[in-house]
Amino acid sequence: MGLETTNEFSQTTKVAVETTNEFSQTTKVAVETTIARLQTTKVSKKENQSALFVEAGTNYERNTYRLVQISKRIQTIKIAGEATKIKKNFEVENPYSSTRFYSIR
């Protein structure tokens, strides 16, 4: 009986160790996932960009492209706005000028 009890105790201990190992691995995965999320949040905050960059996989590439397109549109709008502002200033400063431009030689 003593040997069988020792074997049963050893098997119980072995199961307990395996359970602890599985729990440790699960905890490790949870910690790694949390670290990955924190790094993603840090990058998002650091770059001060929208959540488009947070998505993974093919959405990341597609959304990066969209963000670049949006940035280009914003720049185009800014340039158009500046051109309009310059034109308005020119017309205000030169009330007698027409829409035709002559080169001075």
C-alpha atoms as a PDB file:
ATOM      1  CA  MET A   1       0.000   0.000   0.000  1.00  0.00           C
ATOM      2  CA  GLY A   2       2.823   2.414   0.743  1.00  0.00           C
ATOM      3  CA  LEU A   3       4.337   2.128  -2.774  1.00  0.00           C
ATOM      4  CA  GLU A   4       0.946   2.513  -4.493  1.00  0.00           C
ATOM      5  CA  THR A   5       0.167   5.570  -2.373  1.00  0.00           C
ATOM      6  CA  THR A   6       3.561   7.064  -3.272  1.00  0.00           C
ATOM      7  CA  ASN A   7       2.910   6.405  -6.990  1.00  0.00           C
ATOM      8  CA  GLU A   8      -0.534   7.993  -6.759  1.00  0.00           C
ATOM      9  CA  PHE A   9       0.961  10.967  -4.922  1.00  0.00           C
ATOM     10  CA  SER A  10       3.686  11.258  -7.603  1.00  0.00           C
ATOM     11  CA  GLN A  11       1.095  11.152 -10.385  1.00  0.00           C
ATOM     12  CA  THR A  12      -1.028  13.744  -8.597  1.00  0.00           C
ATOM     13  CA  THR A  13       2.057  15.940  -8.197  1.00  0.00           C
ATOM     14  CA  LYS A  14       2.902  15.441 -11.890  1.00  0.00           C
ATOM     15  CA  VAL A  15      -0.635  16.485 -12.891  1.00  0.00           C
ATOM     16  CA  ALA A  16      -0.394  19.508 -10.601  1.00  0.00           C
ATOM     17  CA  VAL A  17       2.941  20.500 -12.186  1.00  0.00           C
ATOM     18  CA  GLU A  18       1.510  20.096 -15.713  1.00  0.00           C
ATOM     19  CA  THR A  19      -1.520  22.183 -14.742  1.00  0.00           C
ATOM     20  CA  THR A  20       0.789  24.853 -13.325  1.00  0.00           C
ATOM     21  CA  ASN A  21       2.837  24.821 -16.548  1.00  0.00           C
ATOM     22  CA  GLU A  22      -0.301  25.223 -18.656  1.00  0.00           C
ATOM     23  CA  PHE A  23      -1.467  28.058 -16.412  1.00  0.00           C
ATOM     24  CA  SER A  24       1.964  29.695 -16.715  1.00  0.00           C
ATOM     25  CA  GLN A  25       1.863  29.421 -20.511  1.00  0.00           C
ATOM     26  CA  THR A  26      -1.642  30.876 -20.608  1.00  0.00           C
ATOM     27  CA  THR A  27      -0.489  33.727 -18.385  1.00  0.00           C
ATOM     28  CA  LYS A  28       2.544  34.265 -20.630  1.00  0.00           C
ATOM     29  CA  VAL A  29       0.316  34.496 -23.720  1.00  0.00           C
ATOM     30  CA  ALA A  30      -1.988  36.927 -21.910  1.00  0.00           C
ATOM     31  CA  VAL A  31       0.995  39.072 -20.900  1.00  0.00           C
ATOM     32  CA  GLU A  32       2.398  39.035 -24.458  1.00  0.00           C
ATOM     33  CA  THR A  33      -1.015  40.020 -25.833  1.00  0.00           C
ATOM     34  CA  THR A  34      -1.240  42.869 -23.331  1.00  0.00           C
ATOM     35  CA  ILE A  35       2.271  44.044 -24.269  1.00  0.00           C
ATOM     36  CA  ALA A  36       1.351  43.963 -27.967  1.00  0.00           C
ATOM     37  CA  ARG A  37      -1.773  46.035 -27.284  1.00  0.00           C
ATOM     38  CA  LEU A  38       0.204  48.541 -25.228  1.00  0.00           C
ATOM     39  CA  GLN A  39       2.812  48.859 -27.986  1.00  0.00           C
ATOM     40  CA  THR A  40       0.071  49.397 -30.565  1.00  0.00           C
ATOM     41  CA  THR A  41      -1.504  52.060 -28.360  1.00  0.00           C
ATOM     42  CA  LYS A  42       1.896  53.680 -27.841  1.00  0.00           C
ATOM     43  CA  VAL A  43       2.546  53.791 -31.578  1.00  0.00           C
ATOM     44  CA  SER A  44      -0.929  55.183 -32.184  1.00  0.00           C
ATOM     45  CA  LYS A  45      -0.412  57.927 -29.619  1.00  0.00           C
ATOM     46  CA  LYS A  46       3.179  58.619 -30.657  1.00  0.00           C
ATOM     47  CA  GLU A  47       2.342  59.053 -34.299  1.00  0.00           C
ATOM     48  CA  ASN A  48      -0.877  60.902 -33.414  1.00  0.00           C
ATOM     49  CA  GLN A  49      -2.705  59.132 -36.184  1.00  0.00           C
ATOM     50  CA  SER A  50      -6.136  57.656 -36.413  1.00  0.00           C
ATOM     51  CA  ALA A  51      -7.120  54.116 -35.591  1.00  0.00           C
ATOM     52  CA  LEU A  52      -6.497  53.132 -39.197  1.00  0.00           C
ATOM     53  CA  PHE A  53      -2.964  52.118 -38.228  1.00  0.00           C
ATOM     54  CA  VAL A  54      -4.128  49.949 -35.349  1.00  0.00           C
ATOM     55  CA  GLU A  55      -5.810  47.351 -37.549  1.00  0.00           C
ATOM     56  CA  ALA A  56      -3.815  44.294 -38.511  1.00  0.00           C
ATOM     57  CA  GLY A  57      -3.182  42.307 -41.678  1.00  0.00           C
ATOM     58  CA  THR A  58      -4.403  43.451 -45.062  1.00  0.00           C
ATOM     59  CA  ASN A  59      -6.569  46.132 -43.476  1.00  0.00           C
ATOM     60  CA  TYR A  60      -3.372  47.757 -42.225  1.00  0.00           C
ATOM     61  CA  GLU A  61      -2.007  48.147 -45.752  1.00  0.00           C
ATOM     62  CA  ARG A  62      -5.342  49.233 -47.197  1.00  0.00           C
ATOM     63  CA  ASN A  63      -5.941  51.749 -44.427  1.00  0.00           C
ATOM     64  CA  THR A  64      -2.405  53.083 -44.701  1.00  0.00           C
ATOM     65  CA  TYR A  65      -3.121  53.743 -48.369  1.00  0.00           C
ATOM     66  CA  ARG A  66      -6.388  55.462 -47.430  1.00  0.00           C
ATOM     67  CA  LEU A  67      -4.639  57.631 -44.866  1.00  0.00           C
ATOM     68  CA  VAL A  68      -2.043  58.672 -47.450  1.00  0.00           C
ATOM     69  CA  GLN A  69      -4.837  59.529 -49.894  1.00  0.00           C
ATOM     70  CA  ILE A  70      -6.625  61.571 -47.217  1.00  0.00           C
ATOM     71  CA  SER A  71      -3.373  63.397 -46.420  1.00  0.00           C
ATOM     72  CA  LYS A  72      -2.880  64.208 -50.109  1.00  0.00           C
ATOM     73  CA  ARG A  73      -6.440  65.519 -50.347  1.00  0.00           C
ATOM     74  CA  ILE A  74      -5.925  67.700 -47.294  1.00  0.00           C
ATOM     75  CA  GLN A  75      -2.717  69.107 -48.781  1.00  0.00           C
ATOM     76  CA  THR A  76      -4.484  69.751 -52.093  1.00  0.00           C
ATOM     77  CA  ILE A  77      -7.314  71.522 -50.273  1.00  0.00           C
ATOM     78  CA  LYS A  78      -4.782  73.631 -48.349  1.00  0.00           C
ATOM     79  CA  ILE A  79      -2.985  74.579 -51.573  1.00  0.00           C
ATOM     80  CA  ALA A  80      -6.284  75.411 -53.286  1.00  0.00           C
ATOM     81  CA  GLY A  81      -7.287  77.485 -50.270  1.00  0.00           C
ATOM     82  CA  GLU A  82      -3.993  79.385 -50.368  1.00  0.00           C
ATOM     83  CA  ALA A  83      -4.389  79.999 -54.115  1.00  0.00           C
ATOM     84  CA  THR A  84      -7.916  81.318 -53.556  1.00  0.00           C
ATOM     85  CA  LYS A  85      -6.676  83.545 -50.739  1.00  0.00           C
ATOM     86  CA  ILE A  86      -3.876  84.931 -52.933  1.00  0.00           C
ATOM     87  CA  LYS A  87      -6.312  85.570 -55.795  1.00  0.00           C
ATOM     88  CA  LYS A  88      -8.741  87.378 -53.468  1.00  0.00           C
ATOM     89  CA  ASN A  89      -5.921  89.474 -52.002  1.00  0.00           C
ATOM     90  CA  PHE A  90      -4.746  90.354 -55.497  1.00  0.00           C
ATOM     91  CA  GLU A  91      -8.237  91.446 -56.506  1.00  0.00           C
ATOM     92  CA  VAL A  92      -8.682  93.493 -53.325  1.00  0.00           C
ATOM     93  CA  GLU A  93      -5.274  95.142 -53.642  1.00  0.00           C
ATOM     94  CA  ASN A  94      -5.786  95.815 -57.368  1.00  0.00           C
ATOM     95  CA  PRO A  95      -9.440  96.735 -57.851  1.00  0.00           C
ATOM     96  CA  TYR A  96      -8.800  97.982 -61.404  1.00  0.00           C
ATOM     97  CA  SER A  97      -7.133  94.781 -62.580  1.00  0.00           C
ATOM     98  CA  SER A  98      -9.020  92.525 -64.913  1.00  0.00           C
ATOM     99  CA  THR A  99      -8.913  88.780 -65.049  1.00  0.00           C
ATOM    100  CA  ARG A 100      -6.407  89.039 -67.900  1.00  0.00           C
ATOM    101  CA  PHE A 101      -2.760  89.061 -66.978  1.00  0.00           C
ATOM    102  CA  TYR A 102      -0.224  90.887 -69.106  1.00  0.00           C
ATOM    103  CA  SER A 103       3.465  90.340 -68.995  1.00  0.00           C
ATOM    104  CA  ILE A 104       5.579  93.435 -68.567  1.00  0.00           C
ATOM    105  CA  ARG A 105       8.584  93.604 -70.863  1.00  0.00           C
END
